[in-house]
Protein backbone atom coordinates (compact mmCIF):
# COMPACT_ATOMS: atom_id res chain seq x y z
CA MET A 1 -59.60 17.80 27.01
CA SER A 2 -63.07 16.70 25.85
CA LYS A 3 -64.41 13.43 27.23
CA ILE A 4 -66.73 12.95 24.22
CA ALA A 5 -65.45 10.15 21.99
CA THR A 6 -66.62 7.73 19.35
CA PRO A 7 -66.89 4.09 20.40
CA GLU A 8 -63.81 3.34 18.30
CA GLU A 9 -61.78 6.05 20.00
CA ALA A 10 -62.79 4.95 23.48
CA VAL A 11 -61.97 1.23 23.06
CA ARG A 12 -58.56 2.06 21.57
CA HIS A 13 -57.42 2.70 25.14
CA ILE A 14 -58.18 -0.87 26.24
CA LYS A 15 -54.95 -2.85 26.41
CA ASP A 16 -54.03 -6.53 26.33
CA ASP A 17 -54.65 -8.51 29.54
CA CYS A 18 -57.18 -6.02 30.90
CA ILE A 19 -59.97 -6.92 33.29
CA ILE A 20 -63.22 -5.35 32.08
CA ALA A 21 -66.33 -4.89 34.24
CA VAL A 22 -69.60 -4.45 32.31
CA ASN A 23 -72.78 -3.00 33.83
CA ALA A 24 -75.89 -4.53 32.21
CA SER A 25 -78.87 -6.84 32.70
CA SER A 26 -79.70 -8.42 29.34
CA GLY A 27 -80.70 -5.34 27.26
CA LEU A 28 -81.25 -3.14 30.31
CA CYS A 29 -78.41 -0.60 30.62
CA CYS A 30 -76.31 -2.65 28.18
CA PRO A 31 -73.47 -0.55 26.65
CA ASP A 32 -73.84 -2.44 23.40
CA ALA A 33 -72.20 0.16 21.11
CA VAL A 34 -68.99 0.10 23.12
CA LEU A 35 -68.85 -3.70 23.21
CA ALA A 36 -69.51 -3.82 19.46
CA ALA A 37 -66.61 -1.43 18.84
CA LEU A 38 -64.30 -3.55 21.01
CA GLY A 39 -65.19 -6.68 19.08
CA ALA A 40 -64.73 -4.88 15.76
CA ARG A 41 -61.31 -3.60 16.82
CA PHE A 42 -60.15 -7.12 17.61
CA GLN A 43 -61.55 -8.39 14.33
CA ALA A 44 -59.60 -5.75 12.39
CA GLU A 45 -56.38 -5.59 14.41
CA GLY A 46 -56.13 -8.76 16.48
CA SER A 47 -56.00 -6.65 19.66
CA PRO A 48 -56.58 -6.26 22.50
CA ARG A 49 -55.99 -9.85 23.58
CA ASN A 50 -56.40 -12.00 26.66
CA LEU A 51 -59.22 -10.01 28.32
CA THR A 52 -61.12 -11.01 31.46
CA SER A 53 -64.73 -9.86 31.51
CA ILE A 54 -66.88 -9.49 34.63
CA HIS A 55 -70.67 -9.27 34.37
CA PRO A 56 -72.70 -9.30 37.63
CA ILE A 57 -75.79 -9.80 35.46
CA ALA A 58 -75.87 -10.90 31.81
CA ALA A 59 -74.70 -8.34 29.28
CA GLY A 60 -76.94 -8.68 26.23
CA ASP A 61 -79.56 -11.17 25.12
CA MET A 62 -80.66 -13.29 22.17
CA PHE A 63 -83.26 -10.80 20.99
CA GLY A 64 -81.39 -7.92 19.36
CA THR A 65 -78.72 -6.82 21.88
CA PRO A 66 -75.66 -9.06 21.41
CA GLY A 67 -73.79 -7.60 24.38
CA VAL A 68 -71.04 -9.97 25.47
CA ASP A 69 -71.34 -11.85 22.17
CA HIS A 70 -69.57 -8.92 20.51
CA ILE A 71 -66.41 -9.85 22.40
CA ALA A 72 -66.93 -13.63 22.50
CA ARG A 73 -63.97 -14.29 20.24
CA PRO A 74 -61.09 -16.72 20.91
CA GLY A 75 -57.98 -14.72 21.69
CA LEU A 76 -59.90 -11.61 22.69
CA LEU A 77 -61.72 -13.09 25.67
CA THR A 78 -59.98 -15.74 27.75
CA LYS A 79 -61.84 -15.55 31.07
CA ILE A 80 -65.40 -14.54 32.02
CA ILE A 81 -67.03 -14.24 35.43
CA GLY A 82 -70.79 -13.84 35.08
CA GLY A 83 -73.73 -13.83 37.44
CA SER A 84 -75.79 -14.83 34.43
CA TYR A 85 -75.42 -15.24 30.68
CA PRO A 86 -77.57 -14.51 27.60
CA SER A 87 -80.31 -17.09 27.26
CA GLY A 88 -83.09 -17.93 24.85
CA PRO A 89 -85.10 -20.61 23.06
CA THR A 90 -83.89 -24.20 23.00
CA THR A 91 -84.29 -24.28 19.21
CA ALA A 92 -82.14 -21.20 18.61
CA GLU A 93 -78.41 -21.37 17.94
CA PRO A 94 -76.55 -20.88 21.23
CA PRO A 95 -74.95 -17.45 21.75
CA LYS A 96 -71.29 -17.27 20.86
CA ILE A 97 -70.28 -17.03 24.51
CA TRP A 98 -72.03 -20.35 25.24
CA GLN A 99 -70.29 -21.91 22.25
CA MET A 100 -66.92 -20.76 23.62
CA ILE A 101 -67.77 -22.10 27.09
CA ALA A 102 -68.75 -25.50 25.69
CA ALA A 103 -65.58 -25.69 23.59
CA GLY A 104 -63.34 -24.76 26.52
CA GLN A 105 -62.10 -21.66 24.69
CA VAL A 106 -62.73 -19.43 27.71
CA LYS A 107 -62.49 -20.00 31.45
CA ALA A 108 -66.09 -19.46 32.52
CA TYR A 109 -67.58 -19.05 35.96
CA ASN A 110 -71.16 -18.62 37.18
CA VAL A 111 -70.92 -16.57 40.37
CA PRO A 112 -74.02 -15.28 42.20
CA SER A 113 -74.73 -11.75 41.03
CA GLY A 114 -74.61 -10.19 44.47
CA ILE A 115 -71.24 -11.78 45.16
CA VAL A 116 -69.86 -10.39 41.89
CA PHE A 117 -70.88 -6.90 43.02
CA ASP A 118 -69.29 -7.64 46.42
CA ILE A 119 -66.02 -8.74 44.77
CA LEU A 120 -65.86 -5.45 42.84
CA ARG A 121 -66.74 -3.40 45.97
CA GLU A 122 -63.94 -5.03 47.95
CA GLY A 123 -61.57 -4.39 45.06
CA ALA A 124 -62.60 -0.73 44.99
CA ALA A 125 -61.80 -0.39 48.69
CA ARG A 126 -58.52 -2.32 48.34
CA ARG A 127 -59.68 -4.94 50.77
CA PRO A 128 -58.56 -8.54 50.28
CA GLY A 129 -61.86 -10.12 49.28
CA VAL A 130 -65.31 -11.35 50.24
CA LEU A 131 -66.05 -13.65 53.16
CA THR A 132 -69.60 -14.96 52.78
CA LYS A 133 -71.88 -17.84 53.61
CA VAL A 134 -73.91 -17.20 50.47
CA GLY A 135 -73.50 -20.28 48.29
CA LEU A 136 -72.52 -22.81 50.95
CA LYS A 137 -73.64 -26.33 49.94
CA THR A 138 -74.61 -25.13 46.44
CA PHE A 139 -72.70 -25.28 43.14
CA VAL A 140 -70.80 -22.20 44.41
CA ASP A 141 -69.14 -24.26 47.14
CA PRO A 142 -65.66 -25.68 46.32
CA ASP A 143 -66.92 -28.99 47.71
CA LEU A 144 -69.28 -29.13 44.70
CA GLU A 145 -68.45 -27.08 41.58
CA ALA A 146 -66.71 -23.90 42.84
CA CYS A 147 -68.67 -21.81 40.28
CA ALA A 148 -66.74 -23.42 37.39
CA MET A 149 -68.70 -23.90 34.16
CA ASN A 150 -66.07 -25.93 32.28
CA ASP A 151 -62.79 -27.81 32.73
CA ALA A 152 -60.76 -24.70 31.88
CA ALA A 153 -62.28 -22.89 34.86
CA ARG A 154 -61.94 -25.86 37.21
CA LYS A 155 -58.16 -25.65 36.80
CA ASP A 156 -58.17 -22.01 37.97
CA PRO A 157 -60.45 -21.74 41.05
CA ILE A 158 -61.77 -18.39 42.25
CA VAL A 159 -63.48 -19.43 45.51
CA PHE A 160 -62.05 -21.17 48.56
CA HIS A 161 -63.11 -22.37 52.02
CA ARG A 162 -61.78 -20.31 54.93
CA ASP A 163 -62.13 -20.80 58.67
CA PHE A 164 -62.96 -17.55 60.46
CA GLU A 165 -63.54 -17.55 64.23
CA GLY A 166 -64.38 -21.24 64.13
CA GLU A 167 -66.91 -21.02 61.32
CA ASP A 168 -66.73 -22.17 57.71
CA TRP A 169 -66.93 -19.34 55.14
CA LEU A 170 -66.48 -19.00 51.40
CA PHE A 171 -63.76 -16.61 50.31
CA PHE A 172 -63.66 -14.82 46.94
CA PRO A 173 -60.48 -12.75 46.36
CA ALA A 174 -61.26 -9.16 45.38
CA ILE A 175 -61.01 -8.12 41.72
CA ARG A 176 -59.73 -4.70 40.61
CA PRO A 177 -60.91 -4.01 37.08
CA ASP A 178 -58.77 -2.08 34.61
CA VAL A 179 -61.83 -0.88 32.69
CA ALA A 180 -65.48 -0.26 33.59
CA VAL A 181 -67.98 -0.07 30.74
CA ILE A 182 -71.24 1.45 31.95
CA ARG A 183 -74.33 3.13 30.50
CA ALA A 184 -76.60 6.04 31.38
CA THR A 185 -79.12 8.29 29.64
CA THR A 186 -77.43 11.68 29.70
CA ALA A 187 -73.86 12.92 30.19
CA ASP A 188 -72.77 16.50 30.38
CA GLU A 189 -69.45 17.58 28.89
CA ARG A 190 -67.67 16.86 32.17
CA GLY A 191 -68.94 13.29 32.23
CA ASN A 192 -71.59 13.61 34.95
CA LEU A 193 -74.17 10.88 34.32
CA SER A 194 -77.94 10.76 34.88
CA PHE A 195 -80.29 7.81 34.36
CA GLU A 196 -83.69 9.37 33.72
CA HIS A 197 -84.66 7.00 30.84
CA GLU A 198 -83.21 3.86 32.44
CA GLY A 199 -85.14 1.16 34.26
CA ALA A 200 -82.35 0.62 36.80
CA TYR A 201 -78.96 1.85 37.95
CA LEU A 202 -77.58 -1.67 38.45
CA GLY A 203 -74.00 -1.17 39.66
CA ALA A 204 -72.79 1.74 37.54
CA MET A 205 -71.39 3.81 40.40
CA GLU A 206 -69.78 0.79 42.08
CA MET A 207 -68.07 -0.31 38.86
CA ALA A 208 -66.81 3.18 38.09
CA LEU A 209 -65.33 3.41 41.60
CA ALA A 210 -63.68 0.01 41.28
CA ALA A 211 -61.98 0.93 37.98
CA ARG A 212 -61.02 4.46 39.06
CA ASN A 213 -59.53 3.28 42.37
CA ALA A 214 -57.50 0.66 40.49
CA GLY A 215 -56.03 3.40 38.30
CA GLY A 216 -58.15 2.21 35.39
CA LEU A 217 -60.46 3.54 32.72
CA VAL A 218 -64.21 4.31 32.79
CA ILE A 219 -66.15 4.39 29.51
CA ALA A 220 -69.77 5.57 29.69
CA GLN A 221 -72.23 5.05 26.84
CA VAL A 222 -75.16 7.49 26.85
CA LYS A 223 -78.19 8.36 24.77
CA ARG A 224 -77.37 12.07 24.65
CA VAL A 225 -74.90 14.74 25.70
CA ALA A 226 -75.92 17.92 27.53
CA GLN A 227 -74.20 21.20 28.38
CA ASN A 228 -72.29 21.47 31.63
CA GLY A 229 -74.50 22.49 34.55
CA SER A 230 -77.71 21.27 32.95
CA ILE A 231 -78.03 18.11 35.07
CA ARG A 232 -79.30 18.73 38.60
CA PRO A 233 -76.77 17.55 41.21
CA HIS A 234 -79.31 15.20 42.84
CA ASP A 235 -79.85 13.56 39.45
CA VAL A 236 -76.17 12.73 38.92
CA ARG A 237 -75.68 9.07 39.76
CA VAL A 238 -72.06 8.83 38.60
CA PRO A 239 -69.95 12.00 38.92
CA GLY A 240 -67.75 13.09 36.06
CA ILE A 241 -64.60 12.79 38.14
CA LEU A 242 -64.91 9.02 37.67
CA VAL A 243 -65.57 9.06 33.91
CA ASP A 244 -62.85 9.12 31.24
CA PHE A 245 -64.82 8.78 27.99
CA VAL A 246 -68.42 9.45 27.03
CA VAL A 247 -69.75 7.60 23.97
CA GLU A 248 -73.00 8.92 22.49
CA ALA A 249 -75.36 6.22 21.16
CA PRO A 250 -78.74 7.87 20.39
CA GLU A 251 -80.38 4.60 19.31
CA GLN A 252 -79.60 2.59 22.45
CA LEU A 253 -82.55 0.49 23.56
CA GLN A 254 -84.03 1.10 26.97
CA THR A 255 -84.17 -2.65 27.56
CA THR A 256 -84.57 -5.84 25.53
CA ALA A 257 -86.67 -5.13 22.41
CA THR A 258 -87.92 -1.83 23.95
CA GLN A 259 -86.90 1.50 22.49
CA TYR A 260 -88.45 3.56 25.27
CA ASP A 261 -91.31 3.16 27.73
CA PRO A 262 -91.64 6.04 30.24
CA ALA A 263 -93.37 3.76 32.77
CA ILE A 264 -90.22 1.66 33.00
CA SER A 265 -88.13 4.68 34.01
CA GLY A 266 -90.78 6.01 36.38
CA GLU A 267 -91.59 9.06 34.27
CA LEU A 268 -95.21 8.01 33.75
CA ILE A 269 -97.62 6.04 35.94
CA ARG A 270 -99.60 3.52 33.91
CA PRO A 271 -103.26 2.99 34.81
CA LEU A 272 -103.73 -0.46 36.33
CA TYR A 273 -106.28 -1.46 33.69
CA THR A 274 -103.53 -1.37 31.05
CA PHE A 275 -101.81 -4.44 32.62
CA ARG A 276 -103.20 -7.50 30.93
CA ASN A 277 -104.55 -10.28 33.09
CA ALA A 278 -102.81 -13.61 32.83
CA GLU A 279 -104.47 -16.04 30.46
CA PHE A 280 -106.51 -18.67 32.26
CA ASN A 281 -104.47 -21.84 32.07
CA VAL A 282 -102.41 -24.16 34.26
CA GLY A 283 -99.75 -21.48 34.77
CA LYS A 284 -102.37 -19.09 36.14
CA VAL A 285 -103.61 -21.74 38.54
CA ILE A 286 -100.08 -22.05 39.94
CA ALA A 287 -99.62 -18.26 40.16
CA ARG A 288 -102.96 -17.94 41.99
CA ARG A 289 -101.94 -20.58 44.53
CA VAL A 290 -98.61 -18.79 45.06
CA ALA A 291 -100.51 -15.56 45.65
CA GLN A 292 -102.38 -17.22 48.51
CA GLU A 293 -99.08 -17.48 50.36
CA MET A 294 -98.71 -13.69 50.52
CA ARG A 295 -99.56 -11.41 53.42
CA VAL A 296 -100.57 -7.75 53.49
CA GLY A 297 -97.61 -5.46 54.07
CA TRP A 298 -94.94 -7.90 52.97
CA ALA A 299 -91.87 -6.96 50.93
CA VAL A 300 -91.45 -9.78 48.40
CA ASN A 301 -88.76 -10.60 45.89
CA ILE A 302 -89.92 -12.03 42.61
CA GLY A 303 -88.08 -14.04 39.99
CA PHE A 304 -88.53 -15.08 36.38
CA GLY A 305 -91.06 -17.75 35.40
CA ILE A 306 -94.56 -18.55 36.58
CA SER A 307 -94.17 -16.52 39.76
CA ALA A 308 -93.64 -13.37 37.70
CA ASN A 309 -97.40 -13.47 37.05
CA VAL A 310 -98.31 -13.20 40.73
CA PRO A 311 -98.30 -9.35 40.70
CA ARG A 312 -100.85 -9.51 37.84
CA ILE A 313 -103.01 -11.81 39.96
CA LEU A 314 -103.09 -9.18 42.71
CA VAL A 315 -103.91 -6.45 40.17
CA GLU A 316 -106.78 -8.55 38.85
CA GLU A 317 -108.03 -9.22 42.37
CA GLY A 318 -107.96 -5.54 43.33
CA LEU A 319 -105.05 -6.08 45.74
CA HIS A 320 -102.32 -4.09 44.01
CA GLY A 321 -100.22 -2.41 46.69
CA ALA A 322 -100.96 -4.98 49.39
CA VAL A 323 -97.48 -6.45 48.68
CA THR A 324 -94.38 -4.49 47.68
CA TRP A 325 -92.44 -6.29 44.97
CA MET A 326 -88.68 -6.12 44.59
CA ILE A 327 -86.40 -7.33 41.81
CA GLU A 328 -82.65 -7.77 41.84
CA GLN A 329 -82.08 -5.14 39.16
CA GLY A 330 -83.22 -2.57 41.70
CA ALA A 331 -86.88 -1.67 41.22
CA VAL A 332 -88.96 -1.48 44.38
CA GLY A 333 -92.76 -1.49 44.12
CA GLY A 334 -94.91 -1.09 41.05
CA VAL A 335 -95.71 -3.99 38.75
CA PRO A 336 -92.78 -6.19 37.63
CA LEU A 337 -92.91 -6.71 33.86
CA LEU A 338 -92.90 -9.93 31.88
CA ASP A 339 -91.17 -11.56 28.90
CA PHE A 340 -88.57 -9.32 27.20
CA LYS A 341 -89.05 -6.63 29.84
CA PHE A 342 -88.41 -8.87 32.83
CA GLY A 343 -85.99 -7.16 35.22
CA CYS A 344 -87.93 -3.92 34.90
CA ALA A 345 -91.05 -2.70 36.70
CA ALA A 346 -93.66 -0.21 35.64
CA ASN A 347 -94.75 2.39 38.19
CA ALA A 348 -91.86 1.62 40.58
CA GLU A 349 -91.77 3.47 43.89
CA ALA A 350 -87.98 3.58 43.95
CA PHE A 351 -84.86 2.45 42.13
CA VAL A 352 -82.15 1.02 44.36
CA ALA A 353 -78.64 0.26 43.13
CA SER A 354 -78.33 -3.51 42.65
CA PRO A 355 -75.44 -3.91 45.15
CA HIS A 356 -77.66 -2.37 47.84
CA GLN A 357 -80.59 -4.55 46.82
CA PHE A 358 -78.39 -7.63 47.11
CA THR A 359 -77.20 -6.61 50.56
CA TYR A 360 -80.86 -6.58 51.59
CA PHE A 361 -81.42 -9.98 49.98
CA GLN A 362 -78.27 -11.70 51.25
CA ALA A 363 -79.10 -10.85 54.86
CA GLY A 364 -82.72 -11.98 54.54
CA GLY A 365 -84.20 -8.59 55.38
CA PHE A 366 -87.30 -9.14 53.22
CA ASP A 367 -90.39 -11.26 53.94
CA ALA A 368 -90.56 -13.80 51.11
CA SER A 369 -89.22 -14.75 47.70
CA LEU A 370 -91.17 -16.23 44.78
CA LEU A 371 -88.97 -18.24 42.43
CA SER A 372 -89.09 -21.03 39.84
CA PHE A 373 -87.61 -24.50 39.73
CA LEU A 374 -86.30 -26.83 37.04
CA GLU A 375 -85.75 -29.78 39.39
CA VAL A 376 -86.38 -30.51 43.05
CA GLY A 377 -84.31 -33.14 44.86
CA ARG A 378 -85.48 -35.51 47.59
CA ASP A 379 -83.85 -33.28 50.26
CA GLY A 380 -85.61 -30.17 48.92
CA SER A 381 -82.64 -28.88 46.94
CA VAL A 382 -83.52 -26.98 43.77
CA ASN A 383 -81.84 -26.69 40.37
CA VAL A 384 -82.76 -23.54 38.53
CA SER A 385 -79.44 -22.78 36.84
CA ARG A 386 -78.48 -25.63 34.51
CA LEU A 387 -80.11 -27.66 31.76
CA ARG A 388 -77.20 -29.78 30.68
CA GLY A 389 -78.49 -30.60 27.18
CA VAL A 390 -79.32 -26.99 26.27
CA PRO A 391 -77.34 -24.76 28.65
CA HIS A 392 -78.31 -21.55 26.88
CA ARG A 393 -81.96 -22.22 27.73
CA THR A 394 -81.23 -20.93 31.24
CA ALA A 395 -79.25 -17.83 32.14
CA GLY A 396 -77.39 -19.43 35.04
CA ALA A 397 -78.03 -18.57 38.66
CA GLY A 398 -78.14 -14.76 38.51
CA GLY A 399 -79.23 -13.52 41.94
CA PHE A 400 -81.01 -16.77 42.87
CA VAL A 401 -78.32 -17.96 45.30
CA ASP A 402 -78.00 -14.55 46.98
CA ILE A 403 -81.78 -14.28 47.36
CA THR A 404 -82.35 -17.77 48.77
CA ALA A 405 -79.31 -17.83 51.06
CA ARG A 406 -81.16 -16.50 54.12
CA ALA A 407 -84.70 -15.84 52.88
CA ARG A 408 -87.18 -16.53 55.64
CA LYS A 409 -89.86 -17.84 53.30
CA ILE A 410 -89.41 -19.19 49.76
CA VAL A 411 -92.17 -20.29 47.41
CA PHE A 412 -90.88 -22.21 44.38
CA SER A 413 -93.29 -22.73 41.48
CA GLY A 414 -93.35 -24.83 38.33
CA ASN A 415 -95.09 -27.68 36.54
CA PHE A 416 -95.02 -31.01 38.37
CA ASN A 417 -93.29 -32.73 35.46
CA ALA A 418 -92.18 -31.73 31.97
CA GLY A 419 -94.25 -32.36 28.85
CA ALA A 420 -97.60 -33.35 30.35
CA LYS A 421 -100.76 -32.44 28.44
CA MET A 422 -103.43 -31.02 30.74
CA ARG A 423 -106.63 -29.05 30.67
CA ILE A 424 -108.95 -27.47 33.22
CA GLU A 425 -112.56 -28.61 33.04
CA ASP A 426 -115.44 -27.86 35.39
CA GLY A 427 -113.12 -26.64 38.12
CA ARG A 428 -110.93 -29.74 37.99
CA LEU A 429 -107.50 -30.53 36.57
CA VAL A 430 -107.60 -33.19 33.86
CA ILE A 431 -104.37 -34.91 32.78
CA GLU A 432 -104.64 -36.09 29.19
CA ALA A 433 -101.10 -37.44 28.80
CA GLU A 434 -98.27 -37.74 31.28
CA GLY A 435 -95.00 -35.91 30.90
CA LYS A 436 -91.89 -37.92 30.19
CA VAL A 437 -89.47 -35.96 32.41
CA ALA A 438 -89.83 -35.97 36.17
CA LYS A 439 -88.98 -32.73 37.95
CA PHE A 440 -89.05 -34.15 41.47
CA VAL A 441 -85.93 -36.30 41.34
CA ASP A 442 -83.62 -38.18 43.67
CA GLU A 443 -80.73 -35.78 43.06
CA VAL A 444 -80.70 -32.51 41.11
CA ASP A 445 -78.20 -31.93 38.30
CA GLN A 446 -76.96 -28.72 39.90
CA VAL A 447 -77.62 -27.48 43.44
CA SER A 448 -78.76 -23.87 43.12
CA PHE A 449 -80.57 -24.01 46.48
CA SER A 450 -79.58 -26.42 49.24
CA GLY A 451 -82.33 -28.23 51.07
CA THR A 452 -79.81 -29.33 53.68
CA ARG A 453 -78.81 -25.74 54.33
CA ALA A 454 -82.47 -24.72 54.48
CA LEU A 455 -83.02 -27.30 57.24
CA GLU A 456 -80.07 -25.91 59.21
CA LEU A 457 -81.38 -22.32 58.91
CA GLY A 458 -85.02 -23.18 59.56
CA GLN A 459 -86.25 -21.69 56.28
CA ASP A 460 -89.94 -21.98 55.34
CA VAL A 461 -89.93 -23.63 51.88
CA THR A 462 -92.94 -24.44 49.70
CA TYR A 463 -93.20 -25.90 46.17
CA VAL A 464 -96.37 -25.04 44.27
CA THR A 465 -97.36 -27.04 41.19
CA GLU A 466 -100.59 -27.44 39.23
CA ARG A 467 -101.15 -30.89 40.81
CA CYS A 468 -100.22 -30.32 44.41
CA VAL A 469 -98.55 -28.19 47.04
CA ILE A 470 -95.46 -29.66 48.70
CA ARG A 471 -93.67 -28.35 51.78
CA LEU A 472 -90.18 -29.06 53.00
CA LEU A 473 -90.73 -30.33 56.53
CA GLU A 474 -87.90 -31.68 58.65
CA GLY A 475 -85.83 -32.31 55.52
CA GLU A 476 -88.55 -34.26 53.66
CA LEU A 477 -90.91 -33.38 50.83
CA VAL A 478 -94.47 -33.56 52.13
CA VAL A 479 -97.58 -33.29 49.93
CA THR A 480 -100.03 -31.05 51.82
CA GLU A 481 -102.61 -30.23 49.10
CA ILE A 482 -103.81 -31.94 45.92
CA ALA A 483 -105.70 -30.52 42.95
CA PRO A 484 -109.39 -31.40 42.62
CA GLY A 485 -109.99 -34.28 40.20
CA LEU A 486 -106.65 -36.03 40.74
CA GLU A 487 -105.78 -39.37 42.31
CA LEU A 488 -102.94 -39.06 44.84
CA ARG A 489 -101.12 -42.28 43.93
CA LYS A 490 -101.56 -42.31 40.16
CA ASP A 491 -101.24 -38.61 39.38
CA VAL A 492 -98.76 -37.41 42.02
CA LEU A 493 -96.75 -40.01 43.91
CA ASP A 494 -96.15 -42.34 40.96
CA GLN A 495 -95.12 -39.42 38.70
CA ALA A 496 -92.29 -38.30 40.98
CA ALA A 497 -88.82 -39.82 40.77
CA ALA A 498 -88.20 -38.93 44.42
CA PRO A 499 -90.08 -40.18 47.46
CA LEU A 500 -92.88 -37.89 48.59
CA LYS A 501 -94.53 -38.15 51.97
CA VAL A 502 -98.22 -37.34 52.41
CA SER A 503 -99.48 -35.06 55.14
CA ASP A 504 -101.88 -36.56 57.64
CA ASN A 505 -103.99 -33.47 57.00
CA LEU A 506 -103.95 -33.61 53.17
CA LYS A 507 -106.31 -31.00 51.75
CA THR A 508 -107.84 -30.32 48.35
CA MET A 509 -106.54 -27.15 46.71
CA ASP A 510 -108.95 -24.20 46.69
CA ALA A 511 -111.52 -24.86 43.93
CA ARG A 512 -111.50 -21.14 42.97
CA LEU A 513 -107.97 -21.61 41.57
CA PHE A 514 -109.41 -23.75 38.77
CA LYS A 515 -112.18 -21.41 37.61
CA PRO A 516 -111.75 -18.61 35.05
CA ASP A 517 -113.43 -15.85 37.05
CA ALA A 518 -111.60 -13.69 39.56
CA MET A 519 -111.13 -15.44 42.90
CA ARG A 520 -112.10 -12.61 45.26
CA LEU A 521 -108.77 -13.32 46.91
CA GLU A 522 -108.18 -12.04 50.43
CA LEU A 523 -104.74 -11.81 52.03
CA ALA A 524 -104.20 -12.12 55.74
CA ASP A 525 -102.28 -9.40 57.57
CA SER A 526 -98.60 -10.03 58.19
């Protein structure tokens, strides 16, 4: 029997009450044609109903790949467990899934991406669940929010405290999906899958195993179908024995707003001069200061936001390759990309399956992580996952909690407050008008990173802003550097809504940060 099917034929096998696992990261690897067919079937027939959807990383985006929004329909989707969710501009209409979450029409949970992969892995192996310390004292913890995004979810908890050998752990029961919806580039007629045009594998193999071992269904969307025997065995990332249906979608995007870029899939090495330098502005000042925290030979995780420009700083300074960058989607090395292409890297040295990457992150095997912040609390806690007024402006936590759980060194970056008007003049920072929203606050709206836990673990935590550098020392926020041209009391201490201590050895930030020319940056050896 042929495994080749139309999207409509494939989704006809999805039944009421199914648990569906979807492999995607925004537009990257998103099986959008299959999800669209599932939504259209429900619209026409009123079935299937009462589905649970599991997304370790967001499926779809707000820029042309609807993803989960295809199935965000009351009656069709009643529960969703996501590491992250589609996000976009504050001024845009929220995605349908966010509208359902706000209206309480779906039980919604934000679970760290690595833990979602772990839950599926344990389900595949028929083990009871995940014992982890990732998420303790954050919104993941049942003592705070237990991952629940609305009242409907709070009534049906999915994480619990458990004592194991005298220690407190978080326990997530395993999940065994009935359906896995994955994507690749090429399938042969037997369903063997290769990923030569993809920018990541994410968790395709792990999801297929989880569904197959649960006696379920695996649907693979691909760009093209090849003859049996034409894919080299080493190139097969998901074997055909795990795949039930192959859906051909020749127009699938490589990633968000990108039809195809061979540098993303490692088929072409871009010359370094083709990577644009960051525009000289306040954001570049911050990225430059973050770069000064790096050491030669380090393996460094990088997140979305200002810190995503740090690799470009090293390219501009002739230091590309001094640091090996890693992103949760699985790319190792190369130059992480920006904007719509974030989550991909050009010129990567390797692609690692996301579940393996998260194992590396959760155990703190890497040297440092560069991440953003929305708010910082007086104890050093960070909120990166929730803006209450416009929740779709952020994607949720994604891999942030996994990455920061045991990271040895973390550098958070962001503007000191929100809405300030500033300029750089003659190597100095000039504040023309103060922002109205403090970002250093007494208590953060959501604890994505726990300062208390960081103190217990002895983590090295730094917060870099355009005005100053702050370090978390013995549980307190201590200003250690200030930008040239600023007054400590008026421009820093009085603009924070949380108490800041001042180092006895307060320094002025490197003047080269505030000048448009290259810095001639040098990194110390690790």
